[in-house]
Amino acid sequence: MRYANEVLISGLVAVLVTMFMPLVFRQTSRYCPQLFSRMASTSRPVEEFSMAFVTAPNAEKAKELAGGVVSNKLAACVNIIPGVMSVYEWEGKIETDPEVLMMIKTRTSRIDELTEFIRKNHPYDVCEVIATSIEGGNQPYLDWLAKT
């Protein structure tokens, strides 16, 4: 008899939890929205701004690409950093080449368009376009990025 009562109580608790859990989640999410948004998403939050890194064979090509990126409103600013030495494997051989690095500051929402522009205008068969989020910085600069 005792076992039957335990089973009955356990079943009743399971039914009540199942019935009221959506209500509990709704009420709790009103008071702790950040908790549930973090729990619901295993990926990182999308930041408003990103930096893309692109290498070019020389400063002239980097300036040409940077001018096109900025004039087409794909980025607010491009820094051209000379003196980069790249070591990589290409077609089975280890290559070492001098390159120029472009650090491109843009809106995260423009990364796909930026990548497409670089792919269409870059001399390499496989051009480097990698991006990372900007998680913070000088607020007046970030405000300027937002307006550009």
C-alpha atoms as a PDB file:
ATOM      1  CA  MET A   1       0.000   0.000   0.000  1.00  0.00           C
ATOM      2  CA  ARG A   2       2.827   2.376   0.880  1.00  0.00           C
ATOM      3  CA  TYR A   3       4.459   1.741  -2.527  1.00  0.00           C
ATOM      4  CA  ALA A   4       1.177   2.468  -4.315  1.00  0.00           C
ATOM      5  CA  ASN A   5       0.833   5.792  -2.471  1.00  0.00           C
ATOM      6  CA  GLU A   6       4.390   6.787  -3.411  1.00  0.00           C
ATOM      7  CA  VAL A   7       3.717   5.974  -7.074  1.00  0.00           C
ATOM      8  CA  LEU A   8       0.449   7.919  -6.979  1.00  0.00           C
ATOM      9  CA  ILE A   9       2.120  10.963  -5.374  1.00  0.00           C
ATOM     10  CA  SER A  10       5.039  10.835  -7.830  1.00  0.00           C
ATOM     11  CA  GLY A  11       2.623  10.658 -10.759  1.00  0.00           C
ATOM     12  CA  LEU A  12       0.602  13.561  -9.388  1.00  0.00           C
ATOM     13  CA  VAL A  13       3.749  15.670  -8.930  1.00  0.00           C
ATOM     14  CA  ALA A  14       4.848  14.873 -12.507  1.00  0.00           C
ATOM     15  CA  VAL A  15       1.462  15.919 -13.890  1.00  0.00           C
ATOM     16  CA  LEU A  16       1.462  19.160 -11.878  1.00  0.00           C
ATOM     17  CA  VAL A  17       5.006  20.029 -12.912  1.00  0.00           C
ATOM     18  CA  THR A  18       4.144  19.351 -16.554  1.00  0.00           C
ATOM     19  CA  MET A  19       1.010  21.487 -16.354  1.00  0.00           C
ATOM     20  CA  PHE A  20       2.524  24.446 -14.518  1.00  0.00           C
ATOM     21  CA  MET A  21       6.077  24.527 -15.939  1.00  0.00           C
ATOM     22  CA  PRO A  22       5.182  26.813 -18.897  1.00  0.00           C
ATOM     23  CA  LEU A  23       3.547  29.246 -16.452  1.00  0.00           C
ATOM     24  CA  VAL A  24       6.595  29.125 -14.163  1.00  0.00           C
ATOM     25  CA  PHE A  25       8.951  29.794 -17.090  1.00  0.00           C
ATOM     26  CA  ARG A  26       6.815  32.677 -18.367  1.00  0.00           C
ATOM     27  CA  GLN A  27       6.665  34.332 -14.959  1.00  0.00           C
ATOM     28  CA  THR A  28      10.349  33.774 -14.226  1.00  0.00           C
ATOM     29  CA  SER A  29      11.423  35.062 -17.632  1.00  0.00           C
ATOM     30  CA  ARG A  30       9.663  38.364 -16.916  1.00  0.00           C
ATOM     31  CA  TYR A  31      11.854  38.896 -13.869  1.00  0.00           C
ATOM     32  CA  CYS A  32      15.101  37.332 -15.152  1.00  0.00           C
ATOM     33  CA  PRO A  33      15.167  37.786 -18.954  1.00  0.00           C
ATOM     34  CA  GLN A  34      18.966  37.721 -19.211  1.00  0.00           C
ATOM     35  CA  LEU A  35      19.096  34.371 -17.435  1.00  0.00           C
ATOM     36  CA  PHE A  36      16.775  32.707 -19.910  1.00  0.00           C
ATOM     37  CA  SER A  37      18.251  34.337 -22.999  1.00  0.00           C
ATOM     38  CA  ARG A  38      21.698  33.052 -21.983  1.00  0.00           C
ATOM     39  CA  MET A  39      20.284  29.605 -21.245  1.00  0.00           C
ATOM     40  CA  ALA A  40      18.381  29.463 -24.529  1.00  0.00           C
ATOM     41  CA  SER A  41      21.376  30.347 -26.660  1.00  0.00           C
ATOM     42  CA  THR A  42      24.613  28.423 -26.603  1.00  0.00           C
ATOM     43  CA  SER A  43      26.214  30.806 -29.079  1.00  0.00           C
ATOM     44  CA  ARG A  44      27.792  34.130 -28.248  1.00  0.00           C
ATOM     45  CA  PRO A  45      25.714  37.287 -28.601  1.00  0.00           C
ATOM     46  CA  VAL A  46      26.141  39.094 -31.889  1.00  0.00           C
ATOM     47  CA  GLU A  47      28.002  42.349 -31.402  1.00  0.00           C
ATOM     48  CA  GLU A  48      27.051  45.431 -33.436  1.00  0.00           C
ATOM     49  CA  PHE A  49      30.575  45.938 -34.814  1.00  0.00           C
ATOM     50  CA  SER A  50      33.282  43.653 -36.163  1.00  0.00           C
ATOM     51  CA  MET A  51      36.840  43.805 -37.434  1.00  0.00           C
ATOM     52  CA  ALA A  52      37.745  41.957 -40.595  1.00  0.00           C
ATOM     53  CA  PHE A  53      41.314  41.068 -41.453  1.00  0.00           C
ATOM     54  CA  VAL A  54      42.361  40.854 -45.095  1.00  0.00           C
ATOM     55  CA  THR A  55      45.859  40.371 -46.476  1.00  0.00           C
ATOM     56  CA  ALA A  56      46.980  41.844 -49.794  1.00  0.00           C
ATOM     57  CA  PRO A  57      50.139  41.304 -51.842  1.00  0.00           C
ATOM     58  CA  ASN A  58      51.274  44.943 -51.592  1.00  0.00           C
ATOM     59  CA  ALA A  59      50.348  48.404 -50.320  1.00  0.00           C
ATOM     60  CA  GLU A  60      48.997  49.573 -53.688  1.00  0.00           C
ATOM     61  CA  LYS A  61      46.477  46.739 -53.892  1.00  0.00           C
ATOM     62  CA  ALA A  62      45.571  47.227 -50.218  1.00  0.00           C
ATOM     63  CA  LYS A  63      44.896  50.956 -50.830  1.00  0.00           C
ATOM     64  CA  GLU A  64      42.758  50.114 -53.852  1.00  0.00           C
ATOM     65  CA  LEU A  65      40.718  47.555 -51.882  1.00  0.00           C
ATOM     66  CA  ALA A  66      40.440  49.859 -48.847  1.00  0.00           C
ATOM     67  CA  GLY A  67      39.224  52.753 -50.993  1.00  0.00           C
ATOM     68  CA  GLY A  68      36.543  50.575 -52.555  1.00  0.00           C
ATOM     69  CA  VAL A  69      35.437  49.214 -49.190  1.00  0.00           C
ATOM     70  CA  VAL A  70      35.090  52.671 -47.624  1.00  0.00           C
ATOM     71  CA  SER A  71      33.551  54.380 -50.666  1.00  0.00           C
ATOM     72  CA  ASN A  72      30.961  51.597 -50.950  1.00  0.00           C
ATOM     73  CA  LYS A  73      30.066  52.093 -47.261  1.00  0.00           C
ATOM     74  CA  LEU A  74      31.108  48.544 -46.401  1.00  0.00           C
ATOM     75  CA  ALA A  75      33.317  49.824 -43.578  1.00  0.00           C
ATOM     76  CA  ALA A  76      34.023  53.000 -41.685  1.00  0.00           C
ATOM     77  CA  CYS A  77      37.793  52.650 -41.568  1.00  0.00           C
ATOM     78  CA  VAL A  78      40.602  50.483 -42.917  1.00  0.00           C
ATOM     79  CA  ASN A  79      44.065  50.424 -41.388  1.00  0.00           C
ATOM     80  CA  ILE A  80      46.809  49.240 -43.752  1.00  0.00           C
ATOM     81  CA  ILE A  81      49.615  47.573 -41.831  1.00  0.00           C
ATOM     82  CA  PRO A  82      52.817  46.941 -43.810  1.00  0.00           C
ATOM     83  CA  GLY A  83      55.554  44.428 -43.102  1.00  0.00           C
ATOM     84  CA  VAL A  84      53.534  41.263 -42.522  1.00  0.00           C
ATOM     85  CA  MET A  85      55.290  37.997 -43.382  1.00  0.00           C
ATOM     86  CA  SER A  86      52.928  35.115 -44.118  1.00  0.00           C
ATOM     87  CA  VAL A  87      53.998  31.472 -43.947  1.00  0.00           C
ATOM     88  CA  TYR A  88      51.450  28.991 -45.300  1.00  0.00           C
ATOM     89  CA  GLU A  89      51.028  25.791 -47.255  1.00  0.00           C
ATOM     90  CA  TRP A  90      49.739  26.144 -50.805  1.00  0.00           C
ATOM     91  CA  GLU A  91      49.433  23.307 -53.303  1.00  0.00           C
ATOM     92  CA  GLY A  92      51.692  21.074 -51.245  1.00  0.00           C
ATOM     93  CA  LYS A  93      54.507  23.590 -50.753  1.00  0.00           C
ATOM     94  CA  ILE A  94      55.435  25.795 -47.811  1.00  0.00           C
ATOM     95  CA  GLU A  95      55.339  29.399 -49.000  1.00  0.00           C
ATOM     96  CA  THR A  96      56.726  32.537 -47.343  1.00  0.00           C
ATOM     97  CA  ASP A  97      55.524  35.857 -48.729  1.00  0.00           C
ATOM     98  CA  PRO A  98      55.608  39.504 -47.654  1.00  0.00           C
ATOM     99  CA  GLU A  99      52.090  40.894 -47.425  1.00  0.00           C
ATOM    100  CA  VAL A 100      50.139  43.886 -46.183  1.00  0.00           C
ATOM    101  CA  LEU A 101      47.415  43.425 -43.581  1.00  0.00           C
ATOM    102  CA  MET A 102      44.183  45.403 -43.679  1.00  0.00           C
ATOM    103  CA  MET A 103      42.253  45.797 -40.432  1.00  0.00           C
ATOM    104  CA  ILE A 104      38.722  46.757 -41.422  1.00  0.00           C
ATOM    105  CA  LYS A 105      36.211  48.144 -38.900  1.00  0.00           C
ATOM    106  CA  THR A 106      32.596  47.652 -39.909  1.00  0.00           C
ATOM    107  CA  ARG A 107      29.131  46.711 -38.788  1.00  0.00           C
ATOM    108  CA  THR A 108      28.694  42.992 -38.198  1.00  0.00           C
ATOM    109  CA  SER A 109      25.700  43.093 -40.534  1.00  0.00           C
ATOM    110  CA  ARG A 110      28.001  44.147 -43.418  1.00  0.00           C
ATOM    111  CA  ILE A 111      30.526  41.275 -43.141  1.00  0.00           C
ATOM    112  CA  ASP A 112      28.920  39.177 -45.890  1.00  0.00           C
ATOM    113  CA  GLU A 113      28.815  42.129 -48.335  1.00  0.00           C
ATOM    114  CA  LEU A 114      32.373  43.078 -47.405  1.00  0.00           C
ATOM    115  CA  THR A 115      33.556  39.519 -48.010  1.00  0.00           C
ATOM    116  CA  GLU A 116      31.873  39.430 -51.406  1.00  0.00           C
ATOM    117  CA  PHE A 117      33.452  42.751 -52.422  1.00  0.00           C
ATOM    118  CA  ILE A 118      36.912  41.539 -51.413  1.00  0.00           C
ATOM    119  CA  ARG A 119      36.445  38.218 -53.236  1.00  0.00           C
ATOM    120  CA  LYS A 120      35.444  39.988 -56.454  1.00  0.00           C
ATOM    121  CA  ASN A 121      38.299  42.526 -56.349  1.00  0.00           C
ATOM    122  CA  HIS A 122      41.193  40.602 -54.802  1.00  0.00           C
ATOM    123  CA  PRO A 123      43.999  39.128 -56.941  1.00  0.00           C
ATOM    124  CA  TYR A 124      44.363  35.900 -54.876  1.00  0.00           C
ATOM    125  CA  ASP A 125      42.478  32.727 -55.816  1.00  0.00           C
ATOM    126  CA  VAL A 126      41.603  32.272 -52.138  1.00  0.00           C
ATOM    127  CA  CYS A 127      41.732  35.584 -50.327  1.00  0.00           C
ATOM    128  CA  GLU A 128      41.797  35.888 -46.588  1.00  0.00           C
ATOM    129  CA  VAL A 129      38.750  37.516 -45.041  1.00  0.00           C
ATOM    130  CA  ILE A 130      38.320  36.643 -41.381  1.00  0.00           C
ATOM    131  CA  ALA A 131      36.233  38.567 -38.876  1.00  0.00           C
ATOM    132  CA  THR A 132      35.923  38.898 -35.138  1.00  0.00           C
ATOM    133  CA  SER A 133      33.564  40.929 -33.030  1.00  0.00           C
ATOM    134  CA  ILE A 134      34.390  44.222 -31.367  1.00  0.00           C
ATOM    135  CA  GLU A 135      33.166  43.766 -27.818  1.00  0.00           C
ATOM    136  CA  GLY A 136      34.015  47.219 -26.518  1.00  0.00           C
ATOM    137  CA  GLY A 137      36.115  50.295 -27.039  1.00  0.00           C
ATOM    138  CA  ASN A 138      36.226  54.080 -26.924  1.00  0.00           C
ATOM    139  CA  GLN A 139      32.540  55.004 -26.979  1.00  0.00           C
ATOM    140  CA  PRO A 140      32.943  58.130 -29.169  1.00  0.00           C
ATOM    141  CA  TYR A 141      34.764  55.954 -31.745  1.00  0.00           C
ATOM    142  CA  LEU A 142      32.040  53.303 -31.602  1.00  0.00           C
ATOM    143  CA  ASP A 143      29.434  56.057 -32.017  1.00  0.00           C
ATOM    144  CA  TRP A 144      31.323  57.254 -35.107  1.00  0.00           C
ATOM    145  CA  LEU A 145      31.347  53.688 -36.471  1.00  0.00           C
ATOM    146  CA  ALA A 146      27.592  53.546 -35.947  1.00  0.00           C
ATOM    147  CA  LYS A 147      27.066  56.696 -38.036  1.00  0.00           C
ATOM    148  CA  THR A 148      29.258  55.576 -40.910  1.00  0.00           C
END
